[in-house]
Amino acid sequence: MLHVRAQLFADIRQFFLARGVLEVETPVLSQSSGTDPMLDFFTADYFAPPLQQRLFLQTSPEFAMKRLLAAGSGPIYQIAKAFRNGEAGRFHNPEFTMLEWYQLDYRLPQLMDEIDELMAVLFQRHWPLAASQRISYQDAFQRYTGLDALTFSYQDYSRYALASHLPDAISLCGNDHGLWLDFLFSHKVQPQLGEGAVCMVYGYPSCQSSLARVSGLNPLTTERVEVFINGIELGNGYYELTDAKEQDSRFDKEITIREQQNRPLVAKDYQLLAAMEAGLPECSGMAIGLDRLLMVMTQSASIDDVLSFPLHRA
């Protein structure tokens, strides 16, 4: 597996080198963290008398990479370590390896084209992929649940959950549209996606906008794409939000949700906001979990099988 991982990294580097995308490195320790209510983080205490400061292990290199973009780096990528607290299981290790890249002046269709090209290169050493698939979130949700993903109906969603033997969804999700979508998508839609092929789901509902722009064609959807193979989620990408005021507002909303859920407090990344205010160029970005990708490539049963030192042996 060491050789397979090394070859994967070499293929990625060759792919982006040929396209003039610069490899960069950003900090693992940072003064701030993301505000996403769905993510928990690790902290570290920095002590250099008289200074004492809480630092964060990054859940993603995204914010730092966007600061480089705003500083004029041009298109960039990196293979980086990321850390997410509380995530362990067949598809999760709290420390994992991520590929993240940004292309200037790309809209979502161009980003999806590049994802397709990258996956074809990376899988050619392993097994042949079938023709790639692209489907909107709304169409995928309708196909496998019969529900409208863009218009929330507590009654319709609850009836479906009971009929599908998923009664826990009602108590867990309540009247939160986003939680319902996450729950039903992961249980009923995702397992059907990308059998032997790359499946890209785009146009996520606006309540799951994260760091993506709201669509100019339909304000109920966002310019977001996720990548699946054999029902396994591999990556998440956006036509990136560049409006600093909108980003600041989203940070505030997420911090409020965290407070309501009694989750650990976080601070906004003011350095990212300053960089966006100075001018984040038009761009699209993608993040892919390389450990999960190795799982799919080697048809491994667990993420532990592709790691030299999973958490229980670290």
C-alpha atoms as a PDB file:
ATOM      1  CA  MET A   1       0.000   0.000   0.000  1.00  0.00           C
ATOM      2  CA  LEU A   2       2.957   2.330   0.559  1.00  0.00           C
ATOM      3  CA  HIS A   3       3.867   2.015  -3.113  1.00  0.00           C
ATOM      4  CA  VAL A   4       0.265   2.515  -4.260  1.00  0.00           C
ATOM      5  CA  ARG A   5      -0.046   5.687  -2.169  1.00  0.00           C
ATOM      6  CA  ALA A   6       3.288   7.031  -3.424  1.00  0.00           C
ATOM      7  CA  GLN A   7       2.260   6.380  -7.038  1.00  0.00           C
ATOM      8  CA  LEU A   8      -1.067   8.122  -6.464  1.00  0.00           C
ATOM      9  CA  PHE A   9       0.685  11.234  -5.167  1.00  0.00           C
ATOM     10  CA  ALA A  10       3.119  11.152  -8.105  1.00  0.00           C
ATOM     11  CA  ASP A  11       0.260  10.887 -10.608  1.00  0.00           C
ATOM     12  CA  ILE A  12      -1.548  13.814  -8.980  1.00  0.00           C
ATOM     13  CA  ARG A  13       1.567  15.958  -9.085  1.00  0.00           C
ATOM     14  CA  GLN A  14       2.207  15.112 -12.725  1.00  0.00           C
ATOM     15  CA  PHE A  15      -1.426  15.903 -13.612  1.00  0.00           C
ATOM     16  CA  PHE A  16      -1.298  19.400 -12.143  1.00  0.00           C
ATOM     17  CA  LEU A  17       2.263  20.095 -13.284  1.00  0.00           C
ATOM     18  CA  ALA A  18       1.149  19.503 -16.871  1.00  0.00           C
ATOM     19  CA  ARG A  19      -1.647  22.046 -16.356  1.00  0.00           C
ATOM     20  CA  GLY A  20       0.521  24.733 -14.814  1.00  0.00           C
ATOM     21  CA  VAL A  21      -1.076  24.470 -11.370  1.00  0.00           C
ATOM     22  CA  LEU A  22       1.370  25.379  -8.594  1.00  0.00           C
ATOM     23  CA  GLU A  23       1.870  23.081  -5.606  1.00  0.00           C
ATOM     24  CA  VAL A  24       1.700  25.026  -2.325  1.00  0.00           C
ATOM     25  CA  GLU A  25       1.861  24.369   1.399  1.00  0.00           C
ATOM     26  CA  THR A  26      -0.233  26.019   4.104  1.00  0.00           C
ATOM     27  CA  PRO A  27      -0.179  25.775   7.925  1.00  0.00           C
ATOM     28  CA  VAL A  28      -1.633  22.833   9.780  1.00  0.00           C
ATOM     29  CA  LEU A  29      -1.793  24.958  12.966  1.00  0.00           C
ATOM     30  CA  SER A  30      -3.796  28.155  12.680  1.00  0.00           C
ATOM     31  CA  GLN A  31      -5.186  30.941  14.853  1.00  0.00           C
ATOM     32  CA  SER A  32      -8.750  30.262  13.753  1.00  0.00           C
ATOM     33  CA  SER A  33     -10.897  27.413  12.515  1.00  0.00           C
ATOM     34  CA  GLY A  34     -13.899  26.924  10.283  1.00  0.00           C
ATOM     35  CA  THR A  35     -17.366  27.571  11.697  1.00  0.00           C
ATOM     36  CA  ASP A  36     -19.207  24.669  10.019  1.00  0.00           C
ATOM     37  CA  PRO A  37     -21.676  23.293  12.630  1.00  0.00           C
ATOM     38  CA  MET A  38     -21.171  19.778  11.250  1.00  0.00           C
ATOM     39  CA  LEU A  39     -17.435  19.714  12.014  1.00  0.00           C
ATOM     40  CA  ASP A  40     -15.516  19.413  15.267  1.00  0.00           C
ATOM     41  CA  PHE A  41     -11.881  20.344  15.581  1.00  0.00           C
ATOM     42  CA  PHE A  42      -8.714  19.672  17.573  1.00  0.00           C
ATOM     43  CA  THR A  43      -6.958  22.410  19.512  1.00  0.00           C
ATOM     44  CA  ALA A  44      -3.387  22.829  20.683  1.00  0.00           C
ATOM     45  CA  ASP A  45      -2.021  25.145  23.382  1.00  0.00           C
ATOM     46  CA  TYR A  46       0.847  27.371  22.316  1.00  0.00           C
ATOM     47  CA  PHE A  47       2.877  28.581  25.273  1.00  0.00           C
ATOM     48  CA  ALA A  48       5.828  30.955  24.944  1.00  0.00           C
ATOM     49  CA  PRO A  49       5.848  33.122  28.088  1.00  0.00           C
ATOM     50  CA  PRO A  50       4.221  35.522  28.477  1.00  0.00           C
ATOM     51  CA  LEU A  51       2.146  34.494  25.446  1.00  0.00           C
ATOM     52  CA  GLN A  52      -0.368  31.688  25.727  1.00  0.00           C
ATOM     53  CA  GLN A  53      -2.709  30.993  22.835  1.00  0.00           C
ATOM     54  CA  ARG A  54      -5.149  28.353  21.657  1.00  0.00           C
ATOM     55  CA  LEU A  55      -4.435  27.172  18.125  1.00  0.00           C
ATOM     56  CA  PHE A  56      -6.467  24.934  15.821  1.00  0.00           C
ATOM     57  CA  LEU A  57      -5.509  21.924  13.753  1.00  0.00           C
ATOM     58  CA  GLN A  58      -7.074  22.652  10.402  1.00  0.00           C
ATOM     59  CA  THR A  59     -10.122  20.722   9.202  1.00  0.00           C
ATOM     60  CA  SER A  60      -9.223  21.807   5.651  1.00  0.00           C
ATOM     61  CA  PRO A  61      -6.539  23.950   3.987  1.00  0.00           C
ATOM     62  CA  GLU A  62      -9.264  25.943   2.220  1.00  0.00           C
ATOM     63  CA  PHE A  63      -9.096  29.256   4.051  1.00  0.00           C
ATOM     64  CA  ALA A  64      -5.308  29.547   3.830  1.00  0.00           C
ATOM     65  CA  MET A  65      -5.327  28.594   0.152  1.00  0.00           C
ATOM     66  CA  LYS A  66      -7.907  31.300  -0.556  1.00  0.00           C
ATOM     67  CA  ARG A  67      -5.613  33.827   1.099  1.00  0.00           C
ATOM     68  CA  LEU A  68      -2.885  32.754  -1.344  1.00  0.00           C
ATOM     69  CA  LEU A  69      -5.315  33.156  -4.244  1.00  0.00           C
ATOM     70  CA  ALA A  70      -6.185  36.661  -3.067  1.00  0.00           C
ATOM     71  CA  ALA A  71      -2.460  37.457  -2.873  1.00  0.00           C
ATOM     72  CA  GLY A  72      -2.047  36.567  -6.564  1.00  0.00           C
ATOM     73  CA  SER A  73      -0.788  32.987  -6.462  1.00  0.00           C
ATOM     74  CA  GLY A  74      -2.658  31.894  -9.586  1.00  0.00           C
ATOM     75  CA  PRO A  75      -4.060  28.336  -9.793  1.00  0.00           C
ATOM     76  CA  ILE A  76      -2.824  26.185  -6.900  1.00  0.00           C
ATOM     77  CA  TYR A  77      -3.128  22.740  -5.332  1.00  0.00           C
ATOM     78  CA  GLN A  78      -1.795  20.869  -2.350  1.00  0.00           C
ATOM     79  CA  ILE A  79      -1.732  17.422  -0.803  1.00  0.00           C
ATOM     80  CA  ALA A  80      -2.328  18.209   2.851  1.00  0.00           C
ATOM     81  CA  LYS A  81      -3.026  16.661   6.220  1.00  0.00           C
ATOM     82  CA  ALA A  82      -6.352  17.639   7.771  1.00  0.00           C
ATOM     83  CA  PHE A  83      -7.930  16.829  11.146  1.00  0.00           C
ATOM     84  CA  ARG A  84     -11.532  16.391  12.258  1.00  0.00           C
ATOM     85  CA  ASN A  85     -12.435  15.505  15.816  1.00  0.00           C
ATOM     86  CA  GLY A  86     -14.933  12.777  16.573  1.00  0.00           C
ATOM     87  CA  GLU A  87     -14.735  11.236  13.101  1.00  0.00           C
ATOM     88  CA  ALA A  88     -13.758   7.561  13.159  1.00  0.00           C
ATOM     89  CA  GLY A  89     -15.121   4.484  11.451  1.00  0.00           C
ATOM     90  CA  ARG A  90     -15.022   2.561   8.206  1.00  0.00           C
ATOM     91  CA  PHE A  91     -14.687   5.729   6.110  1.00  0.00           C
ATOM     92  CA  HIS A  92     -13.182   8.106   8.676  1.00  0.00           C
ATOM     93  CA  ASN A  93      -9.903   8.633  10.481  1.00  0.00           C
ATOM     94  CA  PRO A  94      -9.476  11.832  12.532  1.00  0.00           C
ATOM     95  CA  GLU A  95      -6.212  12.546  10.694  1.00  0.00           C
ATOM     96  CA  PHE A  96      -6.495  12.181   6.937  1.00  0.00           C
ATOM     97  CA  THR A  97      -4.929  13.278   3.660  1.00  0.00           C
ATOM     98  CA  MET A  98      -6.696  15.679   1.342  1.00  0.00           C
ATOM     99  CA  LEU A  99      -6.101  16.905  -2.193  1.00  0.00           C
ATOM    100  CA  GLU A 100      -7.394  20.435  -2.685  1.00  0.00           C
ATOM    101  CA  TRP A 101      -7.067  22.613  -5.761  1.00  0.00           C
ATOM    102  CA  TYR A 102      -8.318  25.905  -7.213  1.00  0.00           C
ATOM    103  CA  GLN A 103      -8.588  26.981 -10.826  1.00  0.00           C
ATOM    104  CA  LEU A 104      -9.073  30.626 -11.758  1.00  0.00           C
ATOM    105  CA  ASP A 105     -11.998  31.659 -13.977  1.00  0.00           C
ATOM    106  CA  TYR A 106     -13.523  28.174 -13.782  1.00  0.00           C
ATOM    107  CA  ARG A 107     -17.260  27.734 -13.396  1.00  0.00           C
ATOM    108  CA  LEU A 108     -18.710  24.496 -12.063  1.00  0.00           C
ATOM    109  CA  PRO A 109     -18.979  22.706 -15.453  1.00  0.00           C
ATOM    110  CA  GLN A 110     -15.268  23.308 -16.134  1.00  0.00           C
ATOM    111  CA  LEU A 111     -14.388  22.040 -12.655  1.00  0.00           C
ATOM    112  CA  MET A 112     -16.417  18.879 -13.268  1.00  0.00           C
ATOM    113  CA  ASP A 113     -14.613  18.360 -16.575  1.00  0.00           C
ATOM    114  CA  GLU A 114     -11.290  18.527 -14.756  1.00  0.00           C
ATOM    115  CA  ILE A 115     -12.465  16.131 -12.034  1.00  0.00           C
ATOM    116  CA  ASP A 116     -13.401  13.690 -14.801  1.00  0.00           C
ATOM    117  CA  GLU A 117      -9.962  13.997 -16.411  1.00  0.00           C
ATOM    118  CA  LEU A 118      -8.134  13.582 -13.100  1.00  0.00           C
ATOM    119  CA  MET A 119     -10.084  10.485 -12.102  1.00  0.00           C
ATOM    120  CA  ALA A 120      -9.460   8.856 -15.482  1.00  0.00           C
ATOM    121  CA  VAL A 121      -5.710   9.353 -15.021  1.00  0.00           C
ATOM    122  CA  LEU A 122      -5.657   8.103 -11.423  1.00  0.00           C
ATOM    123  CA  PHE A 123      -7.740   4.971 -12.043  1.00  0.00           C
ATOM    124  CA  GLN A 124      -5.958   3.816 -15.187  1.00  0.00           C
ATOM    125  CA  ARG A 125      -3.445   1.883 -13.058  1.00  0.00           C
ATOM    126  CA  HIS A 126      -6.208   0.042 -11.179  1.00  0.00           C
ATOM    127  CA  TRP A 127      -9.514  -0.737 -12.889  1.00  0.00           C
ATOM    128  CA  PRO A 128     -11.450   0.869 -15.733  1.00  0.00           C
ATOM    129  CA  LEU A 129     -14.143   3.363 -14.829  1.00  0.00           C
ATOM    130  CA  ALA A 130     -17.458   3.310 -16.660  1.00  0.00           C
ATOM    131  CA  ALA A 131     -18.647   6.523 -18.302  1.00  0.00           C
ATOM    132  CA  SER A 132     -19.013   9.292 -15.750  1.00  0.00           C
ATOM    133  CA  GLN A 133     -22.408  10.526 -14.630  1.00  0.00           C
ATOM    134  CA  ARG A 134     -23.725  13.983 -13.767  1.00  0.00           C
ATOM    135  CA  ILE A 135     -27.051  14.552 -12.043  1.00  0.00           C
ATOM    136  CA  SER A 136     -28.593  17.456 -10.171  1.00  0.00           C
ATOM    137  CA  TYR A 137     -29.231  17.029  -6.458  1.00  0.00           C
ATOM    138  CA  GLN A 138     -32.934  17.671  -7.002  1.00  0.00           C
ATOM    139  CA  ASP A 139     -33.195  14.970  -9.681  1.00  0.00           C
ATOM    140  CA  ALA A 140     -31.223  12.423  -7.634  1.00  0.00           C
ATOM    141  CA  PHE A 141     -33.325  13.092  -4.532  1.00  0.00           C
ATOM    142  CA  GLN A 142     -36.558  12.813  -6.500  1.00  0.00           C
ATOM    143  CA  ARG A 143     -35.426   9.613  -8.225  1.00  0.00           C
ATOM    144  CA  TYR A 144     -34.565   7.704  -5.054  1.00  0.00           C
ATOM    145  CA  THR A 145     -36.979   9.184  -2.487  1.00  0.00           C
ATOM    146  CA  GLY A 146     -39.827  10.714  -4.493  1.00  0.00           C
ATOM    147  CA  LEU A 147     -39.418  13.922  -2.440  1.00  0.00           C
ATOM    148  CA  ASP A 148     -38.719  17.500  -3.483  1.00  0.00           C
ATOM    149  CA  ALA A 149     -35.302  18.462  -2.110  1.00  0.00           C
ATOM    150  CA  LEU A 150     -35.817  22.188  -2.668  1.00  0.00           C
ATOM    151  CA  THR A 151     -39.177  22.617  -0.933  1.00  0.00           C
ATOM    152  CA  PHE A 152     -39.358  21.291   2.611  1.00  0.00           C
ATOM    153  CA  SER A 153     -42.523  19.595   3.860  1.00  0.00           C
ATOM    154  CA  TYR A 154     -42.258  18.170   7.361  1.00  0.00           C
ATOM    155  CA  GLN A 155     -45.335  16.024   6.774  1.00  0.00           C
ATOM    156  CA  ASP A 156     -44.089  14.555   3.476  1.00  0.00           C
ATOM    157  CA  TYR A 157     -40.588  13.950   4.782  1.00  0.00           C
ATOM    158  CA  SER A 158     -41.904  12.332   7.983  1.00  0.00           C
ATOM    159  CA  ARG A 159     -44.290  10.059   6.089  1.00  0.00           C
ATOM    160  CA  TYR A 160     -41.452   8.950   3.856  1.00  0.00           C
ATOM    161  CA  ALA A 161     -39.164   8.292   6.858  1.00  0.00           C
ATOM    162  CA  LEU A 162     -41.793   6.095   8.515  1.00  0.00           C
ATOM    163  CA  ALA A 163     -42.539   4.222   5.285  1.00  0.00           C
ATOM    164  CA  SER A 164     -38.788   3.668   4.779  1.00  0.00           C
ATOM    165  CA  HIS A 165     -38.290   2.340   8.325  1.00  0.00           C
ATOM    166  CA  LEU A 166     -36.241   5.384   9.310  1.00  0.00           C
ATOM    167  CA  PRO A 167     -38.259   6.719  12.280  1.00  0.00           C
ATOM    168  CA  ASP A 168     -35.155   8.168  13.948  1.00  0.00           C
ATOM    169  CA  ALA A 169     -35.063  10.851  11.264  1.00  0.00           C
ATOM    170  CA  ILE A 170     -38.139  12.529  12.751  1.00  0.00           C
ATOM    171  CA  SER A 171     -36.639  13.056  16.204  1.00  0.00           C
ATOM    172  CA  LEU A 172     -33.135  13.784  14.933  1.00  0.00           C
ATOM    173  CA  CYS A 173     -34.063  16.258  12.187  1.00  0.00           C
ATOM    174  CA  GLY A 174     -37.172  18.007  13.501  1.00  0.00           C
ATOM    175  CA  ASN A 175     -37.988  20.996  11.312  1.00  0.00           C
ATOM    176  CA  ASP A 176     -34.425  21.459  10.056  1.00  0.00           C
ATOM    177  CA  HIS A 177     -34.505  21.060   6.281  1.00  0.00           C
ATOM    178  CA  GLY A 178     -30.730  20.707   6.001  1.00  0.00           C
ATOM    179  CA  LEU A 179     -30.600  17.885   8.563  1.00  0.00           C
ATOM    180  CA  TRP A 180     -33.404  16.050   6.769  1.00  0.00           C
ATOM    181  CA  LEU A 181     -31.557  16.303   3.477  1.00  0.00           C
ATOM    182  CA  ASP A 182     -28.307  15.036   5.005  1.00  0.00           C
ATOM    183  CA  PHE A 183     -30.059  12.117   6.701  1.00  0.00           C
ATOM    184  CA  LEU A 184     -32.173  10.978   3.760  1.00  0.00           C
ATOM    185  CA  PHE A 185     -29.470  11.560   1.168  1.00  0.00           C
ATOM    186  CA  SER A 186     -26.912   9.493   3.087  1.00  0.00           C
ATOM    187  CA  HIS A 187     -29.347   6.619   3.724  1.00  0.00           C
ATOM    188  CA  LYS A 188     -31.370   6.439   0.509  1.00  0.00           C
ATOM    189  CA  VAL A 189     -29.585   8.335  -2.283  1.00  0.00           C
ATOM    190  CA  GLN A 190     -25.826   8.091  -1.803  1.00  0.00           C
ATOM    191  CA  PRO A 191     -25.645   4.252  -1.835  1.00  0.00           C
ATOM    192  CA  GLN A 192     -27.101   4.315  -5.368  1.00  0.00           C
ATOM    193  CA  LEU A 193     -24.525   6.696  -6.836  1.00  0.00           C
ATOM    194  CA  GLY A 194     -21.606   5.908  -9.130  1.00  0.00           C
ATOM    195  CA  GLU A 195     -21.613   2.146  -9.571  1.00  0.00           C
ATOM    196  CA  GLY A 196     -18.215   1.542 -11.148  1.00  0.00           C
ATOM    197  CA  ALA A 197     -18.130   5.160 -12.298  1.00  0.00           C
ATOM    198  CA  VAL A 198     -17.577   8.731 -11.203  1.00  0.00           C
ATOM    199  CA  CYS A 199     -20.926  10.298 -10.317  1.00  0.00           C
ATOM    200  CA  MET A 200     -21.037  14.065  -9.821  1.00  0.00           C
ATOM    201  CA  VAL A 201     -24.060  15.516  -8.027  1.00  0.00           C
ATOM    202  CA  TYR A 202     -24.425  19.265  -8.517  1.00  0.00           C
ATOM    203  CA  GLY A 203     -26.858  22.048  -7.632  1.00  0.00           C
ATOM    204  CA  TYR A 204     -27.153  21.416  -3.909  1.00  0.00           C
ATOM    205  CA  PRO A 205     -30.032  23.119  -2.068  1.00  0.00           C
ATOM    206  CA  SER A 206     -29.215  26.607  -0.798  1.00  0.00           C
ATOM    207  CA  CYS A 207     -29.617  25.500   2.831  1.00  0.00           C
ATOM    208  CA  GLN A 208     -26.431  23.482   2.185  1.00  0.00           C
ATOM    209  CA  SER A 209     -24.537  26.300   0.498  1.00  0.00           C
ATOM    210  CA  SER A 210     -21.443  26.042   2.694  1.00  0.00           C
ATOM    211  CA  LEU A 211     -18.795  28.111   0.853  1.00  0.00           C
ATOM    212  CA  ALA A 212     -20.447  27.974  -2.571  1.00  0.00           C
ATOM    213  CA  ARG A 213     -22.248  30.735  -4.436  1.00  0.00           C
ATOM    214  CA  VAL A 214     -26.010  30.708  -4.644  1.00  0.00           C
ATOM    215  CA  SER A 215     -27.006  29.944  -8.236  1.00  0.00           C
ATOM    216  CA  GLY A 216     -27.845  32.918 -10.412  1.00  0.00           C
ATOM    217  CA  LEU A 217     -30.408  30.777 -12.257  1.00  0.00           C
ATOM    218  CA  ASN A 218     -32.214  29.369  -9.221  1.00  0.00           C
ATOM    219  CA  PRO A 219     -31.734  30.951  -5.764  1.00  0.00           C
ATOM    220  CA  LEU A 220     -32.911  27.692  -4.160  1.00  0.00           C
ATOM    221  CA  THR A 221     -29.717  25.974  -5.342  1.00  0.00           C
ATOM    222  CA  THR A 222     -25.982  26.547  -5.026  1.00  0.00           C
ATOM    223  CA  GLU A 223     -22.951  26.113  -7.270  1.00  0.00           C
ATOM    224  CA  ARG A 224     -21.729  23.031  -5.415  1.00  0.00           C
ATOM    225  CA  VAL A 225     -20.714  19.551  -6.600  1.00  0.00           C
ATOM    226  CA  GLU A 226     -19.924  16.321  -4.769  1.00  0.00           C
ATOM    227  CA  VAL A 227     -18.165  13.271  -6.220  1.00  0.00           C
ATOM    228  CA  PHE A 228     -19.147   9.642  -5.566  1.00  0.00           C
ATOM    229  CA  ILE A 229     -17.890   6.247  -6.720  1.00  0.00           C
ATOM    230  CA  ASN A 230     -19.631   3.035  -5.643  1.00  0.00           C
ATOM    231  CA  GLY A 231     -21.781   5.007  -3.206  1.00  0.00           C
ATOM    232  CA  ILE A 232     -18.754   6.465  -1.395  1.00  0.00           C
ATOM    233  CA  GLU A 233     -18.407  10.241  -1.144  1.00  0.00           C
ATOM    234  CA  LEU A 234     -14.918  11.273  -2.245  1.00  0.00           C
ATOM    235  CA  GLY A 235     -14.969  15.028  -2.602  1.00  0.00           C
ATOM    236  CA  ASN A 236     -16.738  18.343  -2.421  1.00  0.00           C
ATOM    237  CA  GLY A 237     -16.286  21.391  -4.651  1.00  0.00           C
ATOM    238  CA  TYR A 238     -17.664  24.871  -5.246  1.00  0.00           C
ATOM    239  CA  TYR A 239     -17.853  27.757  -7.624  1.00  0.00           C
ATOM    240  CA  GLU A 240     -16.419  29.802  -4.799  1.00  0.00           C
ATOM    241  CA  LEU A 241     -18.118  32.578  -2.923  1.00  0.00           C
ATOM    242  CA  THR A 242     -16.040  35.760  -3.277  1.00  0.00           C
ATOM    243  CA  ASP A 243     -18.282  38.268  -1.454  1.00  0.00           C
ATOM    244  CA  ALA A 244     -16.680  39.078   1.918  1.00  0.00           C
ATOM    245  CA  LYS A 245     -19.895  40.483   3.415  1.00  0.00           C
ATOM    246  CA  GLU A 246     -21.868  37.376   2.476  1.00  0.00           C
ATOM    247  CA  GLN A 247     -19.095  35.181   3.876  1.00  0.00           C
ATOM    248  CA  ASP A 248     -19.106  37.153   7.127  1.00  0.00           C
ATOM    249  CA  SER A 249     -22.888  36.730   7.363  1.00  0.00           C
ATOM    250  CA  ARG A 250     -22.578  32.970   6.825  1.00  0.00           C
ATOM    251  CA  PHE A 251     -19.937  32.779   9.553  1.00  0.00           C
ATOM    252  CA  ASP A 252     -22.338  34.555  11.944  1.00  0.00           C
ATOM    253  CA  LYS A 253     -25.186  32.160  11.104  1.00  0.00           C
ATOM    254  CA  GLU A 254     -22.991  29.102  11.606  1.00  0.00           C
ATOM    255  CA  ILE A 255     -21.625  30.402  14.908  1.00  0.00           C
ATOM    256  CA  THR A 256     -25.204  30.977  16.099  1.00  0.00           C
ATOM    257  CA  ILE A 257     -26.131  27.392  15.168  1.00  0.00           C
ATOM    258  CA  ARG A 258     -23.089  26.091  17.029  1.00  0.00           C
ATOM    259  CA  GLU A 259     -24.131  28.053  20.127  1.00  0.00           C
ATOM    260  CA  GLN A 260     -27.699  26.734  19.903  1.00  0.00           C
ATOM    261  CA  GLN A 261     -26.372  23.172  19.680  1.00  0.00           C
ATOM    262  CA  ASN A 262     -23.927  23.728  22.578  1.00  0.00           C
ATOM    263  CA  ARG A 263     -20.996  22.881  20.337  1.00  0.00           C
ATOM    264  CA  PRO A 264     -17.452  24.161  21.036  1.00  0.00           C
ATOM    265  CA  LEU A 265     -17.082  27.851  20.350  1.00  0.00           C
ATOM    266  CA  VAL A 266     -15.096  29.056  17.349  1.00  0.00           C
ATOM    267  CA  ALA A 267     -13.848  32.393  16.094  1.00  0.00           C
ATOM    268  CA  LYS A 268     -14.254  33.829  12.622  1.00  0.00           C
ATOM    269  CA  ASP A 269     -11.257  33.762  10.334  1.00  0.00           C
ATOM    270  CA  TYR A 270     -10.807  37.528   9.979  1.00  0.00           C
ATOM    271  CA  GLN A 271      -7.691  37.008   7.878  1.00  0.00           C
ATOM    272  CA  LEU A 272      -9.772  35.184   5.273  1.00  0.00           C
ATOM    273  CA  LEU A 273     -12.400  37.934   5.354  1.00  0.00           C
ATOM    274  CA  ALA A 274      -9.676  40.563   4.858  1.00  0.00           C
ATOM    275  CA  ALA A 275      -8.265  38.626   1.925  1.00  0.00           C
ATOM    276  CA  MET A 276     -11.720  38.356   0.354  1.00  0.00           C
ATOM    277  CA  GLU A 277     -12.287  42.057   0.911  1.00  0.00           C
ATOM    278  CA  ALA A 278      -8.994  42.773  -0.849  1.00  0.00           C
ATOM    279  CA  GLY A 279     -10.141  40.652  -3.773  1.00  0.00           C
ATOM    280  CA  LEU A 280     -10.533  36.889  -4.109  1.00  0.00           C
ATOM    281  CA  PRO A 281     -10.407  36.110  -7.836  1.00  0.00           C
ATOM    282  CA  GLU A 282     -13.172  34.262  -9.654  1.00  0.00           C
ATOM    283  CA  CYS A 283     -12.394  30.582  -9.079  1.00  0.00           C
ATOM    284  CA  SER A 284     -13.678  27.091  -8.458  1.00  0.00           C
ATOM    285  CA  GLY A 285     -12.139  24.671  -5.986  1.00  0.00           C
ATOM    286  CA  MET A 286     -12.299  20.975  -5.178  1.00  0.00           C
ATOM    287  CA  ALA A 287     -11.277  18.841  -2.192  1.00  0.00           C
ATOM    288  CA  ILE A 288     -10.891  15.058  -2.432  1.00  0.00           C
ATOM    289  CA  GLY A 289     -10.161  12.662   0.429  1.00  0.00           C
ATOM    290  CA  LEU A 290      -7.193  10.646  -0.789  1.00  0.00           C
ATOM    291  CA  ASP A 291      -7.508   7.883   1.798  1.00  0.00           C
ATOM    292  CA  ARG A 292     -11.064   7.171   0.678  1.00  0.00           C
ATOM    293  CA  LEU A 293      -9.940   7.363  -2.928  1.00  0.00           C
ATOM    294  CA  LEU A 294      -7.315   4.714  -2.178  1.00  0.00           C
ATOM    295  CA  MET A 295     -10.023   2.580  -0.567  1.00  0.00           C
ATOM    296  CA  VAL A 296     -12.052   2.665  -3.776  1.00  0.00           C
ATOM    297  CA  MET A 297      -9.048   2.128  -6.053  1.00  0.00           C
ATOM    298  CA  THR A 298      -7.812  -0.898  -4.135  1.00  0.00           C
ATOM    299  CA  GLN A 299     -11.307  -2.153  -3.266  1.00  0.00           C
ATOM    300  CA  SER A 300     -10.420  -2.106   0.430  1.00  0.00           C
ATOM    301  CA  ALA A 301     -13.105  -2.666   3.061  1.00  0.00           C
ATOM    302  CA  SER A 302     -11.966   0.008   5.519  1.00  0.00           C
ATOM    303  CA  ILE A 303      -9.933   3.184   5.570  1.00  0.00           C
ATOM    304  CA  ASP A 304      -7.642   1.449   8.083  1.00  0.00           C
ATOM    305  CA  ASP A 305      -6.526  -0.851   5.272  1.00  0.00           C
ATOM    306  CA  VAL A 306      -4.938   2.028   3.325  1.00  0.00           C
ATOM    307  CA  LEU A 307      -3.309   3.807   6.290  1.00  0.00           C
ATOM    308  CA  SER A 308       0.067   2.883   7.713  1.00  0.00           C
ATOM    309  CA  PHE A 309      -0.966   4.206  11.115  1.00  0.00           C
ATOM    310  CA  PRO A 310      -4.713   4.518  11.724  1.00  0.00           C
ATOM    311  CA  LEU A 311      -5.685   6.101  15.014  1.00  0.00           C
ATOM    312  CA  HIS A 312      -5.539   2.899  17.090  1.00  0.00           C
ATOM    313  CA  ARG A 313      -1.908   2.330  15.967  1.00  0.00           C
ATOM    314  CA  ALA A 314      -0.751   5.969  15.841  1.00  0.00           C
END
